[in-house]
């Protein structure tokens, strides 16, 4: 997180370009700017979590192994909903997780645009 500021263009040229593109798709300027920063926050957070997970793997952990340890340490009846997910190691791979998080984020941004269009 200490390097997250470097993803923001200090000259604001990238922000201005992205906001312009989103305005063309129907966003208000403020909503476009918020969308851009929301996407950056999600991406920076995802990358930060991946770095932490890689460090944890070196120590014999990682999200999937920690998940498995926690699941086996608790009564199954308490975790019906989590167990219904049927997570596998593949679900925790970087590419898989990134695609899911990016899709959720972009779908959420698009839903805001759809909601605004329906209010008009």
PDB file of N, CA and C in Angstrom:
ATOM      1  N   UNK A   1       0.812  -1.184   0.000  1.00  0.00           N
ATOM      2  CA  UNK A   1       0.000   0.000   0.000  1.00  0.00           C
ATOM      3  C   UNK A   1       0.860   1.254   0.000  1.00  0.00           C
ATOM      4  N   UNK A   2       2.081   1.154   0.509  1.00  0.00           N
ATOM      5  CA  UNK A   2       2.874   2.374   0.591  1.00  0.00           C
ATOM      6  C   UNK A   2       3.276   2.900  -0.780  1.00  0.00           C
ATOM      7  N   UNK A   3       3.127   2.091  -1.844  1.00  0.00           N
ATOM      8  CA  UNK A   3       3.466   2.554  -3.179  1.00  0.00           C
ATOM      9  C   UNK A   3       2.233   2.833  -4.039  1.00  0.00           C
ATOM     10  N   UNK A   4       1.056   2.756  -3.449  1.00  0.00           N
ATOM     11  CA  UNK A   4      -0.170   2.902  -4.231  1.00  0.00           C
ATOM     12  C   UNK A   4      -0.289   4.272  -4.871  1.00  0.00           C
ATOM     13  N   UNK A   5       0.321   5.294  -4.276  1.00  0.00           N
ATOM     14  CA  UNK A   5       0.232   6.628  -4.860  1.00  0.00           C
ATOM     15  C   UNK A   5       0.874   6.691  -6.245  1.00  0.00           C
ATOM     16  N   UNK A   6       1.769   5.766  -6.549  1.00  0.00           N
ATOM     17  CA  UNK A   6       2.456   5.809  -7.839  1.00  0.00           C
ATOM     18  C   UNK A   6       1.558   5.402  -9.001  1.00  0.00           C
ATOM     19  N   UNK A   7       0.393   4.802  -8.726  1.00  0.00           N
ATOM     20  CA  UNK A   7      -0.494   4.419  -9.821  1.00  0.00           C
ATOM     21  C   UNK A   7      -1.308   5.602 -10.324  1.00  0.00           C
ATOM     22  N   UNK A   8      -1.300   6.702  -9.582  1.00  0.00           N
ATOM     23  CA  UNK A   8      -2.060   7.878  -9.983  1.00  0.00           C
ATOM     24  C   UNK A   8      -1.122   8.819 -10.729  1.00  0.00           C
ATOM     25  N   UNK A   9      -1.492   9.165 -11.938  1.00  0.00           N
ATOM     26  CA  UNK A   9      -0.693  10.056 -12.765  1.00  0.00           C
ATOM     27  C   UNK A   9      -0.629  11.434 -12.105  1.00  0.00           C
ATOM     28  N   UNK A  10       0.560  11.891 -11.708  1.00  0.00           N
ATOM     29  CA  UNK A  10       0.648  13.175 -11.009  1.00  0.00           C
ATOM     30  C   UNK A  10       0.220  14.361 -11.883  1.00  0.00           C
ATOM     31  N   UNK A  11       0.235  14.187 -13.178  1.00  0.00           N
ATOM     32  CA  UNK A  11      -0.182  15.274 -14.069  1.00  0.00           C
ATOM     33  C   UNK A  11      -1.665  15.192 -14.392  1.00  0.00           C
ATOM     34  N   UNK A  12      -2.323  14.171 -13.865  1.00  0.00           N
ATOM     35  CA  UNK A  12      -3.761  13.952 -14.037  1.00  0.00           C
ATOM     36  C   UNK A  12      -4.175  13.706 -15.491  1.00  0.00           C
ATOM     37  N   UNK A  13      -3.207  13.449 -16.354  1.00  0.00           N
ATOM     38  CA  UNK A  13      -3.535  13.220 -17.770  1.00  0.00           C
ATOM     39  C   UNK A  13      -4.318  11.930 -17.963  1.00  0.00           C
ATOM     40  N   UNK A  14      -3.927  10.888 -17.265  1.00  0.00           N
ATOM     41  CA  UNK A  14      -4.638   9.617 -17.393  1.00  0.00           C
ATOM     42  C   UNK A  14      -6.049   9.739 -16.839  1.00  0.00           C
ATOM     43  N   UNK A  15      -6.175  10.352 -15.672  1.00  0.00           N
ATOM     44  CA  UNK A  15      -7.496  10.568 -15.087  1.00  0.00           C
ATOM     45  C   UNK A  15      -8.384  11.353 -16.048  1.00  0.00           C
ATOM     46  N   UNK A  16      -7.852  12.405 -16.622  1.00  0.00           N
ATOM     47  CA  UNK A  16      -8.642  13.224 -17.540  1.00  0.00           C
ATOM     48  C   UNK A  16      -9.092  12.411 -18.747  1.00  0.00           C
ATOM     49  N   UNK A  17      -8.203  11.579 -19.264  1.00  0.00           N
ATOM     50  CA  UNK A  17      -8.552  10.748 -20.419  1.00  0.00           C
ATOM     51  C   UNK A  17      -9.646   9.742 -20.059  1.00  0.00           C
ATOM     52  N   UNK A  18      -9.463   9.046 -18.949  1.00  0.00           N
ATOM     53  CA  UNK A  18     -10.440   8.030 -18.523  1.00  0.00           C
ATOM     54  C   UNK A  18     -11.789   8.677 -18.241  1.00  0.00           C
ATOM     55  N   UNK A  19     -11.781   9.802 -17.538  1.00  0.00           N
ATOM     56  CA  UNK A  19     -13.033  10.503 -17.252  1.00  0.00           C
ATOM     57  C   UNK A  19     -13.718  10.889 -18.559  1.00  0.00           C
ATOM     58  N   UNK A  20     -12.950  11.358 -19.526  1.00  0.00           N
ATOM     59  CA  UNK A  20     -13.520  11.713 -20.829  1.00  0.00           C
ATOM     60  C   UNK A  20     -14.173  10.530 -21.521  1.00  0.00           C
ATOM     61  N   UNK A  21     -13.511   9.391 -21.483  1.00  0.00           N
ATOM     62  CA  UNK A  21     -14.078   8.186 -22.107  1.00  0.00           C
ATOM     63  C   UNK A  21     -15.376   7.791 -21.400  1.00  0.00           C
ATOM     64  N   UNK A  22     -15.364   7.795 -20.076  1.00  0.00           N
ATOM     65  CA  UNK A  22     -16.560   7.411 -19.328  1.00  0.00           C
ATOM     66  C   UNK A  22     -17.705   8.408 -19.543  1.00  0.00           C
ATOM     67  N   UNK A  23     -17.381   9.673 -19.683  1.00  0.00           N
ATOM     68  CA  UNK A  23     -18.421  10.667 -19.978  1.00  0.00           C
ATOM     69  C   UNK A  23     -19.082  10.344 -21.319  1.00  0.00           C
ATOM     70  N   UNK A  24     -18.277   9.921 -22.285  1.00  0.00           N
ATOM     71  CA  UNK A  24     -18.830   9.535 -23.591  1.00  0.00           C
ATOM     72  C   UNK A  24     -19.803   8.371 -23.468  1.00  0.00           C
ATOM     73  N   UNK A  25     -19.607   7.535 -22.465  1.00  0.00           N
ATOM     74  CA  UNK A  25     -20.508   6.400 -22.234  1.00  0.00           C
ATOM     75  C   UNK A  25     -21.689   6.755 -21.338  1.00  0.00           C
ATOM     76  N   UNK A  26     -21.799   8.014 -20.943  1.00  0.00           N
ATOM     77  CA  UNK A  26     -22.966   8.451 -20.205  1.00  0.00           C
ATOM     78  C   UNK A  26     -22.762   8.760 -18.739  1.00  0.00           C
ATOM     79  N   UNK A  27     -21.560   8.623 -18.241  1.00  0.00           N
ATOM     80  CA  UNK A  27     -21.289   8.968 -16.851  1.00  0.00           C
ATOM     81  C   UNK A  27     -21.258  10.480 -16.683  1.00  0.00           C
ATOM     82  N   UNK A  28     -21.635  10.937 -15.502  1.00  0.00           N
ATOM     83  CA  UNK A  28     -21.394  12.341 -15.183  1.00  0.00           C
ATOM     84  C   UNK A  28     -19.899  12.477 -14.911  1.00  0.00           C
ATOM     85  N   UNK A  29     -19.347  13.668 -15.027  1.00  0.00           N
ATOM     86  CA  UNK A  29     -17.910  13.815 -14.746  1.00  0.00           C
ATOM     87  C   UNK A  29     -17.519  13.320 -13.350  1.00  0.00           C
ATOM     88  N   UNK A  30     -18.319  13.627 -12.345  1.00  0.00           N
ATOM     89  CA  UNK A  30     -17.992  13.205 -10.981  1.00  0.00           C
ATOM     90  C   UNK A  30     -18.084  11.684 -10.845  1.00  0.00           C
ATOM     91  N   UNK A  31     -19.128  11.072 -11.408  1.00  0.00           N
ATOM     92  CA  UNK A  31     -19.272   9.611 -11.343  1.00  0.00           C
ATOM     93  C   UNK A  31     -18.129   8.924 -12.083  1.00  0.00           C
ATOM     94  N   UNK A  32     -17.701   9.512 -13.189  1.00  0.00           N
ATOM     95  CA  UNK A  32     -16.580   8.942 -13.948  1.00  0.00           C
ATOM     96  C   UNK A  32     -15.303   8.980 -13.123  1.00  0.00           C
ATOM     97  N   UNK A  33     -15.072  10.088 -12.439  1.00  0.00           N
ATOM     98  CA  UNK A  33     -13.881  10.218 -11.612  1.00  0.00           C
ATOM     99  C   UNK A  33     -13.912   9.234 -10.439  1.00  0.00           C
ATOM    100  N   UNK A  34     -15.059   9.134  -9.779  1.00  0.00           N
ATOM    101  CA  UNK A  34     -15.198   8.166  -8.689  1.00  0.00           C
ATOM    102  C   UNK A  34     -14.972   6.738  -9.194  1.00  0.00           C
ATOM    103  N   UNK A  35     -15.500   6.421 -10.353  1.00  0.00           N
ATOM    104  CA  UNK A  35     -15.352   5.079 -10.924  1.00  0.00           C
ATOM    105  C   UNK A  35     -13.883   4.747 -11.164  1.00  0.00           C
ATOM    106  N   UNK A  36     -13.165   5.711 -11.694  1.00  0.00           N
ATOM    107  CA  UNK A  36     -11.735   5.517 -11.955  1.00  0.00           C
ATOM    108  C   UNK A  36     -10.991   5.218 -10.651  1.00  0.00           C
ATOM    109  N   UNK A  37     -11.232   6.037  -9.631  1.00  0.00           N
ATOM    110  CA  UNK A  37     -10.531   5.837  -8.360  1.00  0.00           C
ATOM    111  C   UNK A  37     -10.978   4.555  -7.662  1.00  0.00           C
ATOM    112  N   UNK A  38     -12.239   4.192  -7.801  1.00  0.00           N
ATOM    113  CA  UNK A  38     -12.714   2.936  -7.223  1.00  0.00           C
ATOM    114  C   UNK A  38     -11.987   1.756  -7.864  1.00  0.00           C
ATOM    115  N   UNK A  39     -11.875   1.780  -9.182  1.00  0.00           N
ATOM    116  CA  UNK A  39     -11.164   0.716  -9.888  1.00  0.00           C
ATOM    117  C   UNK A  39      -9.710   0.652  -9.437  1.00  0.00           C
ATOM    118  N   UNK A  40      -9.064   1.809  -9.310  1.00  0.00           N
ATOM    119  CA  UNK A  40      -7.678   1.819  -8.834  1.00  0.00           C
ATOM    120  C   UNK A  40      -7.564   1.236  -7.432  1.00  0.00           C
ATOM    121  N   UNK A  41      -8.488   1.612  -6.549  1.00  0.00           N
ATOM    122  CA  UNK A  41      -8.464   1.081  -5.184  1.00  0.00           C
ATOM    123  C   UNK A  41      -8.590  -0.436  -5.176  1.00  0.00           C
ATOM    124  N   UNK A  42      -9.481  -0.965  -5.990  1.00  0.00           N
ATOM    125  CA  UNK A  42      -9.665  -2.417  -6.058  1.00  0.00           C
ATOM    126  C   UNK A  42      -8.399  -3.086  -6.590  1.00  0.00           C
ATOM    127  N   UNK A  43      -7.831  -2.525  -7.649  1.00  0.00           N
ATOM    128  CA  UNK A  43      -6.637  -3.129  -8.243  1.00  0.00           C
ATOM    129  C   UNK A  43      -5.446  -3.073  -7.290  1.00  0.00           C
ATOM    130  N   UNK A  44      -5.238  -1.932  -6.650  1.00  0.00           N
ATOM    131  CA  UNK A  44      -4.127  -1.808  -5.708  1.00  0.00           C
ATOM    132  C   UNK A  44      -4.333  -2.767  -4.531  1.00  0.00           C
ATOM    133  N   UNK A  45      -5.567  -2.842  -4.034  1.00  0.00           N
ATOM    134  CA  UNK A  45      -5.859  -3.762  -2.934  1.00  0.00           C
ATOM    135  C   UNK A  45      -5.629  -5.207  -3.322  1.00  0.00           C
ATOM    136  N   UNK A  46      -6.022  -5.565  -4.547  1.00  0.00           N
ATOM    137  CA  UNK A  46      -5.819  -6.931  -5.025  1.00  0.00           C
ATOM    138  C   UNK A  46      -4.331  -7.250  -5.101  1.00  0.00           C
ATOM    139  N   UNK A  47      -3.568  -6.341  -5.661  1.00  0.00           N
ATOM    140  CA  UNK A  47      -2.123  -6.559  -5.792  1.00  0.00           C
ATOM    141  C   UNK A  47      -1.475  -6.669  -4.412  1.00  0.00           C
ATOM    142  N   UNK A  48      -1.875  -5.815  -3.499  1.00  0.00           N
ATOM    143  CA  UNK A  48      -1.354  -5.859  -2.134  1.00  0.00           C
ATOM    144  C   UNK A  48      -1.646  -7.222  -1.494  1.00  0.00           C
ATOM    145  N   UNK A  49      -2.868  -7.706  -1.668  1.00  0.00           N
ATOM    146  CA  UNK A  49      -3.242  -9.002  -1.107  1.00  0.00           C
ATOM    147  C   UNK A  49      -2.434 -10.133  -1.737  1.00  0.00           C
ATOM    148  N   UNK A  50      -2.161 -10.037  -3.029  1.00  0.00           N
ATOM    149  CA  UNK A  50      -1.362 -11.069  -3.695  1.00  0.00           C
ATOM    150  C   UNK A  50       0.061 -11.094  -3.149  1.00  0.00           C
ATOM    151  N   UNK A  51       0.612  -9.918  -2.905  1.00  0.00           N
ATOM    152  CA  UNK A  51       1.960  -9.850  -2.336  1.00  0.00           C
ATOM    153  C   UNK A  51       1.969 -10.495  -0.952  1.00  0.00           C
ATOM    154  N   UNK A  52       0.992 -10.169  -0.134  1.00  0.00           N
ATOM    155  CA  UNK A  52       0.893 -10.771   1.205  1.00  0.00           C
ATOM    156  C   UNK A  52       0.727 -12.282   1.114  1.00  0.00           C
ATOM    157  N   UNK A  53      -0.073 -12.749   0.155  1.00  0.00           N
ATOM    158  CA  UNK A  53      -0.294 -14.181   0.006  1.00  0.00           C
ATOM    159  C   UNK A  53       0.998 -14.890  -0.397  1.00  0.00           C
ATOM    160  N   UNK A  54       1.765 -14.299  -1.294  1.00  0.00           N
ATOM    161  CA  UNK A  54       3.041 -14.905  -1.704  1.00  0.00           C
ATOM    162  C   UNK A  54       4.004 -14.971  -0.520  1.00  0.00           C
ATOM    163  N   UNK A  55       4.043 -13.925   0.294  1.00  0.00           N
ATOM    164  CA  UNK A  55       4.897 -13.935   1.491  1.00  0.00           C
ATOM    165  C   UNK A  55       4.448 -15.024   2.457  1.00  0.00           C
ATOM    166  N   UNK A  56       3.140 -15.181   2.577  1.00  0.00           N
ATOM    167  CA  UNK A  56       2.580 -16.203   3.474  1.00  0.00           C
ATOM    168  C   UNK A  56       2.905 -17.611   2.959  1.00  0.00           C
ATOM    169  N   UNK A  57       2.888 -17.808   1.660  1.00  0.00           N
ATOM    170  CA  UNK A  57       3.206 -19.124   1.081  1.00  0.00           C
ATOM    171  C   UNK A  57       4.634 -19.536   1.421  1.00  0.00           C
ATOM    172  N   UNK A  58       5.545 -18.581   1.419  1.00  0.00           N
ATOM    173  CA  UNK A  58       6.940 -18.870   1.766  1.00  0.00           C
ATOM    174  C   UNK A  58       7.038 -19.411   3.192  1.00  0.00           C
ATOM    175  N   UNK A  59       6.131 -18.949   4.057  1.00  0.00           N
ATOM    176  CA  UNK A  59       6.124 -19.400   5.451  1.00  0.00           C
ATOM    177  C   UNK A  59       5.227 -20.616   5.667  1.00  0.00           C
ATOM    178  N   UNK A  60       4.758 -21.226   4.560  1.00  0.00           N
ATOM    179  CA  UNK A  60       3.946 -22.432   4.683  1.00  0.00           C
ATOM    180  C   UNK A  60       2.455 -22.170   4.798  1.00  0.00           C
ATOM    181  N   UNK A  61       2.030 -21.002   4.400  1.00  0.00           N
ATOM    182  CA  UNK A  61       0.610 -20.660   4.477  1.00  0.00           C
ATOM    183  C   UNK A  61       0.048 -20.305   3.122  1.00  0.00           C
ATOM    184  N   UNK A  62      -0.626 -19.214   3.081  1.00  0.00           N
ATOM    185  CA  UNK A  62      -1.319 -18.783   1.877  1.00  0.00           C
ATOM    186  C   UNK A  62      -2.815 -18.890   2.093  1.00  0.00           C
ATOM    187  N   UNK A  63      -3.561 -18.170   1.286  1.00  0.00           N
ATOM    188  CA  UNK A  63      -5.005 -18.114   1.519  1.00  0.00           C
ATOM    189  C   UNK A  63      -5.683 -19.465   1.466  1.00  0.00           C
ATOM    190  N   UNK A  64      -5.361 -20.302   0.490  1.00  0.00           N
ATOM    191  CA  UNK A  64      -6.049 -21.589   0.404  1.00  0.00           C
ATOM    192  C   UNK A  64      -5.676 -22.496   1.568  1.00  0.00           C
ATOM    193  N   UNK A  65      -4.409 -22.565   1.901  1.00  0.00           N
ATOM    194  CA  UNK A  65      -4.001 -23.404   3.039  1.00  0.00           C
ATOM    195  C   UNK A  65      -4.595 -22.884   4.337  1.00  0.00           C
ATOM    196  N   UNK A  66      -4.612 -21.569   4.522  1.00  0.00           N
ATOM    197  CA  UNK A  66      -5.222 -21.000   5.729  1.00  0.00           C
ATOM    198  C   UNK A  66      -6.718 -21.298   5.757  1.00  0.00           C
ATOM    199  N   UNK A  67      -7.359 -21.207   4.601  1.00  0.00           N
ATOM    200  CA  UNK A  67      -8.782 -21.536   4.488  1.00  0.00           C
ATOM    201  C   UNK A  67      -9.022 -22.985   4.912  1.00  0.00           C
ATOM    202  N   UNK A  68      -8.219 -23.908   4.372  1.00  0.00           N
ATOM    203  CA  UNK A  68      -8.379 -25.329   4.711  1.00  0.00           C
ATOM    204  C   UNK A  68      -8.167 -25.580   6.201  1.00  0.00           C
ATOM    205  N   UNK A  69      -7.151 -24.947   6.766  1.00  0.00           N
ATOM    206  CA  UNK A  69      -6.878 -25.122   8.201  1.00  0.00           C
ATOM    207  C   UNK A  69      -8.049 -24.627   9.040  1.00  0.00           C
ATOM    208  N   UNK A  70      -8.588 -23.482   8.681  1.00  0.00           N
ATOM    209  CA  UNK A  70      -9.707 -22.922   9.441  1.00  0.00           C
ATOM    210  C   UNK A  70     -10.966 -23.771   9.291  1.00  0.00           C
ATOM    211  N   UNK A  71     -11.207 -24.294   8.108  1.00  0.00           N
ATOM    212  CA  UNK A  71     -12.391 -25.131   7.862  1.00  0.00           C
ATOM    213  C   UNK A  71     -12.322 -26.404   8.700  1.00  0.00           C
ATOM    214  N   UNK A  72     -11.169 -27.039   8.724  1.00  0.00           N
ATOM    215  CA  UNK A  72     -11.055 -28.307   9.451  1.00  0.00           C
ATOM    216  C   UNK A  72     -11.075 -28.099  10.965  1.00  0.00           C
ATOM    217  N   UNK A  73     -10.792 -26.890  11.421  1.00  0.00           N
ATOM    218  CA  UNK A  73     -10.755 -26.624  12.858  1.00  0.00           C
ATOM    219  C   UNK A  73     -12.127 -26.293  13.435  1.00  0.00           C
ATOM    220  N   UNK A  74     -13.151 -26.171  12.601  1.00  0.00           N
ATOM    221  CA  UNK A  74     -14.488 -25.778  13.070  1.00  0.00           C
ATOM    222  C   UNK A  74     -15.515 -26.840  12.723  1.00  0.00           C
ATOM    223  N   UNK A  75     -16.566 -26.922  13.503  1.00  0.00           N
ATOM    224  CA  UNK A  75     -17.641 -27.874  13.165  1.00  0.00           C
ATOM    225  C   UNK A  75     -18.284 -27.504  11.824  1.00  0.00           C
ATOM    226  N   UNK A  76     -18.500 -28.501  10.994  1.00  0.00           N
ATOM    227  CA  UNK A  76     -19.063 -28.282   9.655  1.00  0.00           C
ATOM    228  C   UNK A  76     -20.428 -27.606   9.694  1.00  0.00           C
ATOM    229  N   UNK A  77     -21.224 -27.880  10.713  1.00  0.00           N
ATOM    230  CA  UNK A  77     -22.568 -27.304  10.811  1.00  0.00           C
ATOM    231  C   UNK A  77     -22.529 -25.775  10.917  1.00  0.00           C
ATOM    232  N   UNK A  78     -21.432 -25.225  11.439  1.00  0.00           N
ATOM    233  CA  UNK A  78     -21.317 -23.775  11.578  1.00  0.00           C
ATOM    234  C   UNK A  78     -20.980 -23.085  10.258  1.00  0.00           C
ATOM    235  N   UNK A  79     -20.533 -23.845   9.281  1.00  0.00           N
ATOM    236  CA  UNK A  79     -19.991 -23.252   8.057  1.00  0.00           C
ATOM    237  C   UNK A  79     -20.708 -23.734   6.792  1.00  0.00           C
ATOM    238  N   UNK A  80     -21.995 -24.024   6.900  1.00  0.00           N
ATOM    239  CA  UNK A  80     -22.735 -24.569   5.758  1.00  0.00           C
ATOM    240  C   UNK A  80     -22.587 -23.717   4.495  1.00  0.00           C
ATOM    241  N   UNK A  81     -22.726 -22.412   4.641  1.00  0.00           N
ATOM    242  CA  UNK A  81     -22.685 -21.532   3.469  1.00  0.00           C
ATOM    243  C   UNK A  81     -21.302 -21.465   2.839  1.00  0.00           C
ATOM    244  N   UNK A  82     -20.287 -21.410   3.674  1.00  0.00           N
ATOM    245  CA  UNK A  82     -18.920 -21.374   3.145  1.00  0.00           C
ATOM    246  C   UNK A  82     -18.584 -22.700   2.474  1.00  0.00           C
ATOM    247  N   UNK A  83     -18.951 -23.802   3.106  1.00  0.00           N
ATOM    248  CA  UNK A  83     -18.668 -25.114   2.523  1.00  0.00           C
ATOM    249  C   UNK A  83     -19.412 -25.324   1.213  1.00  0.00           C
ATOM    250  N   UNK A  84     -20.567 -24.679   1.050  1.00  0.00           N
ATOM    251  CA  UNK A  84     -21.328 -24.799  -0.196  1.00  0.00           C
ATOM    252  C   UNK A  84     -20.575 -24.192  -1.383  1.00  0.00           C
ATOM    253  N   UNK A  85     -19.617 -23.331  -1.105  1.00  0.00           N
ATOM    254  CA  UNK A  85     -18.810 -22.735  -2.184  1.00  0.00           C
ATOM    255  C   UNK A  85     -17.921 -23.763  -2.871  1.00  0.00           C
ATOM    256  N   UNK A  86     -17.541 -24.801  -2.146  1.00  0.00           N
ATOM    257  CA  UNK A  86     -16.673 -25.858  -2.661  1.00  0.00           C
ATOM    258  C   UNK A  86     -15.409 -25.282  -3.316  1.00  0.00           C
ATOM    259  N   UNK A  87     -14.685 -24.465  -2.544  1.00  0.00           N
ATOM    260  CA  UNK A  87     -13.458 -23.851  -3.043  1.00  0.00           C
ATOM    261  C   UNK A  87     -12.416 -24.908  -3.379  1.00  0.00           C
ATOM    262  N   UNK A  88     -11.643 -24.645  -4.393  1.00  0.00           N
ATOM    263  CA  UNK A  88     -10.527 -25.510  -4.764  1.00  0.00           C
ATOM    264  C   UNK A  88      -9.274 -24.636  -4.861  1.00  0.00           C
ATOM    265  N   UNK A  89      -8.101 -25.246  -4.914  1.00  0.00           N
ATOM    266  CA  UNK A  89      -6.879 -24.449  -5.044  1.00  0.00           C
ATOM    267  C   UNK A  89      -6.909 -23.550  -6.288  1.00  0.00           C
ATOM    268  N   UNK A  90      -7.544 -24.012  -7.360  1.00  0.00           N
ATOM    269  CA  UNK A  90      -7.614 -23.226  -8.599  1.00  0.00           C
ATOM    270  C   UNK A  90      -8.372 -21.915  -8.397  1.00  0.00           C
ATOM    271  N   UNK A  91      -9.361 -21.921  -7.493  1.00  0.00           N
ATOM    272  CA  UNK A  91     -10.130 -20.703  -7.232  1.00  0.00           C
ATOM    273  C   UNK A  91      -9.270 -19.610  -6.593  1.00  0.00           C
ATOM    274  N   UNK A  92      -8.155 -19.999  -6.014  1.00  0.00           N
ATOM    275  CA  UNK A  92      -7.282 -19.047  -5.336  1.00  0.00           C
ATOM    276  C   UNK A  92      -6.088 -18.636  -6.198  1.00  0.00           C
ATOM    277  N   UNK A  93      -6.021 -19.143  -7.428  1.00  0.00           N
ATOM    278  CA  UNK A  93      -4.926 -18.756  -8.324  1.00  0.00           C
ATOM    279  C   UNK A  93      -5.092 -17.292  -8.713  1.00  0.00           C
ATOM    280  N   UNK A  94      -3.980 -16.614  -8.910  1.00  0.00           N
ATOM    281  CA  UNK A  94      -3.989 -15.178  -9.164  1.00  0.00           C
ATOM    282  C   UNK A  94      -4.860 -14.816 -10.365  1.00  0.00           C
ATOM    283  N   UNK A  95      -4.680 -15.501 -11.487  1.00  0.00           N
ATOM    284  CA  UNK A  95      -5.409 -15.149 -12.696  1.00  0.00           C
ATOM    285  C   UNK A  95      -6.918 -15.331 -12.520  1.00  0.00           C
ATOM    286  N   UNK A  96      -7.305 -16.416 -11.883  1.00  0.00           N
ATOM    287  CA  UNK A  96      -8.725 -16.687 -11.649  1.00  0.00           C
ATOM    288  C   UNK A  96      -9.331 -15.630 -10.750  1.00  0.00           C
ATOM    289  N   UNK A  97      -8.686 -15.383  -9.639  1.00  0.00           N
ATOM    290  CA  UNK A  97      -9.197 -14.403  -8.683  1.00  0.00           C
ATOM    291  C   UNK A  97      -9.220 -13.004  -9.296  1.00  0.00           C
ATOM    292  N   UNK A  98      -8.188 -12.645 -10.025  1.00  0.00           N
ATOM    293  CA  UNK A  98      -8.135 -11.312 -10.635  1.00  0.00           C
ATOM    294  C   UNK A  98      -9.296 -11.118 -11.606  1.00  0.00           C
ATOM    295  N   UNK A  99      -9.548 -12.108 -12.421  1.00  0.00           N
ATOM    296  CA  UNK A  99     -10.650 -12.007 -13.388  1.00  0.00           C
ATOM    297  C   UNK A  99     -11.990 -11.816 -12.668  1.00  0.00           C
ATOM    298  N   UNK A 100     -12.197 -12.557 -11.602  1.00  0.00           N
ATOM    299  CA  UNK A 100     -13.446 -12.444 -10.842  1.00  0.00           C
ATOM    300  C   UNK A 100     -13.576 -11.059 -10.218  1.00  0.00           C
ATOM    301  N   UNK A 101     -12.528 -10.599  -9.526  1.00  0.00           N
ATOM    302  CA  UNK A 101     -12.596  -9.293  -8.868  1.00  0.00           C
ATOM    303  C   UNK A 101     -12.740  -8.157  -9.875  1.00  0.00           C
ATOM    304  N   UNK A 102     -12.039  -8.250 -10.990  1.00  0.00           N
ATOM    305  CA  UNK A 102     -12.152  -7.207 -12.004  1.00  0.00           C
ATOM    306  C   UNK A 102     -13.548  -7.202 -12.615  1.00  0.00           C
ATOM    307  N   UNK A 103     -14.100  -8.380 -12.872  1.00  0.00           N
ATOM    308  CA  UNK A 103     -15.457  -8.473 -13.424  1.00  0.00           C
ATOM    309  C   UNK A 103     -16.476  -7.881 -12.459  1.00  0.00           C
ATOM    310  N   UNK A 104     -16.373  -8.237 -11.176  1.00  0.00           N
ATOM    311  CA  UNK A 104     -17.296  -7.676 -10.173  1.00  0.00           C
ATOM    312  C   UNK A 104     -17.191  -6.152 -10.130  1.00  0.00           C
ATOM    313  N   UNK A 105     -15.965  -5.660 -10.158  1.00  0.00           N
ATOM    314  CA  UNK A 105     -15.752  -4.219 -10.080  1.00  0.00           C
ATOM    315  C   UNK A 105     -16.332  -3.508 -11.295  1.00  0.00           C
ATOM    316  N   UNK A 106     -16.011  -3.999 -12.477  1.00  0.00           N
ATOM    317  CA  UNK A 106     -16.507  -3.356 -13.695  1.00  0.00           C
ATOM    318  C   UNK A 106     -18.020  -3.493 -13.823  1.00  0.00           C
ATOM    319  N   UNK A 107     -18.558  -4.647 -13.436  1.00  0.00           N
ATOM    320  CA  UNK A 107     -20.020  -4.818 -13.454  1.00  0.00           C
ATOM    321  C   UNK A 107     -20.692  -3.839 -12.501  1.00  0.00           C
ATOM    322  N   UNK A 108     -20.070  -3.622 -11.352  1.00  0.00           N
ATOM    323  CA  UNK A 108     -20.617  -2.665 -10.386  1.00  0.00           C
ATOM    324  C   UNK A 108     -20.603  -1.253 -10.924  1.00  0.00           C
ATOM    325  N   UNK A 109     -19.519  -0.881 -11.584  1.00  0.00           N
ATOM    326  CA  UNK A 109     -19.445   0.455 -12.187  1.00  0.00           C
ATOM    327  C   UNK A 109     -20.491   0.588 -13.285  1.00  0.00           C
ATOM    328  N   UNK A 110     -20.620  -0.434 -14.110  1.00  0.00           N
ATOM    329  CA  UNK A 110     -21.629  -0.400 -15.186  1.00  0.00           C
ATOM    330  C   UNK A 110     -23.045  -0.366 -14.624  1.00  0.00           C
ATOM    331  N   UNK A 111     -23.272  -1.053 -13.516  1.00  0.00           N
ATOM    332  CA  UNK A 111     -24.603  -1.045 -12.893  1.00  0.00           C
ATOM    333  C   UNK A 111     -24.980   0.357 -12.444  1.00  0.00           C
ATOM    334  N   UNK A 112     -23.990   1.107 -11.977  1.00  0.00           N
ATOM    335  CA  UNK A 112     -24.261   2.491 -11.595  1.00  0.00           C
ATOM    336  C   UNK A 112     -24.715   3.302 -12.803  1.00  0.00           C
ATOM    337  N   UNK A 113     -24.085   3.071 -13.926  1.00  0.00           N
ATOM    338  CA  UNK A 113     -24.465   3.772 -15.148  1.00  0.00           C
ATOM    339  C   UNK A 113     -25.877   3.370 -15.561  1.00  0.00           C
ATOM    340  N   UNK A 114     -26.187   2.083 -15.506  1.00  0.00           N
ATOM    341  CA  UNK A 114     -27.528   1.609 -15.853  1.00  0.00           C
ATOM    342  C   UNK A 114     -28.577   2.196 -14.919  1.00  0.00           C
ATOM    343  N   UNK A 115     -28.234   2.267 -13.631  1.00  0.00           N
ATOM    344  CA  UNK A 115     -29.185   2.802 -12.648  1.00  0.00           C
ATOM    345  C   UNK A 115     -29.470   4.274 -12.931  1.00  0.00           C
ATOM    346  N   UNK A 116     -28.436   5.029 -13.292  1.00  0.00           N
ATOM    347  CA  UNK A 116     -28.619   6.445 -13.620  1.00  0.00           C
ATOM    348  C   UNK A 116     -29.482   6.598 -14.868  1.00  0.00           C
ATOM    349  N   UNK A 117     -29.261   5.732 -15.856  1.00  0.00           N
ATOM    350  CA  UNK A 117     -30.035   5.816 -17.095  1.00  0.00           C
ATOM    351  C   UNK A 117     -31.522   5.512 -16.833  1.00  0.00           C
ATOM    352  N   UNK A 118     -31.779   4.572 -15.934  1.00  0.00           N
ATOM    353  CA  UNK A 118     -33.173   4.208 -15.624  1.00  0.00           C
ATOM    354  C   UNK A 118     -33.894   5.292 -14.832  1.00  0.00           C
ATOM    355  N   UNK A 119     -33.151   6.148 -14.143  1.00  0.00           N
ATOM    356  CA  UNK A 119     -33.760   7.226 -13.360  1.00  0.00           C
ATOM    357  C   UNK A 119     -34.190   8.395 -14.233  1.00  0.00           C
ATOM    358  N   UNK A 120     -33.668   8.452 -15.438  1.00  0.00           N
ATOM    359  CA  UNK A 120     -33.977   9.588 -16.322  1.00  0.00           C
ATOM    360  C   UNK A 120     -35.322   9.438 -16.979  1.00  0.00           C
TER     361      UNK A 120
END
